[in-house]
Amino acid sequence: MNLEKAIVNNKMRLGIDIGAVISLIIIWVLFLGITGMIVICVMDGDYNVMPGVISLPAFVFVLLTNPLMQNPGNFEATMPDGTFRTFKMFYKKKEVIVEHECNDEGKFVMVKSGFQLENFSYADGSEIGYVTGFKISNYLEQWLKSNDLIAFEKREN
């Protein structure tokens, strides 16, 4: 585990993951291609662009929640004892409760299955929005994977 590179001044820094970068580029190319197709079709008087129009919100959602598109300054973490036993995560200065454990190797383990939205809540009891929940979940997952901080253990519910 290399927490010194993963957390710099309490900011959660993503490691370099070439697969994530390539997938983001592909999503951007598809988004721009479909948007361009819609504009060209409308300019030519062809208004049969419904499949493209229907797919645009999905692309926007994926781009909005992609970890590489997030401002790393919005995500902070503290670990007073240097382990995930005392891990606290913050999104835009609000503490986020993440249901997790620390395994024997000191790596992060989700208590429930996967990075589902039900595993996240604000400490003050306010509700996390749908898109914000995906932003937090996706960023945390990418941060853990890219910095080799997660243990992929099968957990009993």
Foldseek 3Di string as FASTA:
>chain_A
DCVCVQADPQFGDFADDVVLVVVVVVLVVVLVVLVVVCVVCVVVVNNPSVVSVVCNVVSVLCLLQALVNDDSVQWGWDDPVPAPVRIWIGGNNWTKQAQWDADPVRAIGHQDPALDLVRIDTPVRDGQDPSRSSNVSNNVVSSCVRVVRHDPDDHDD
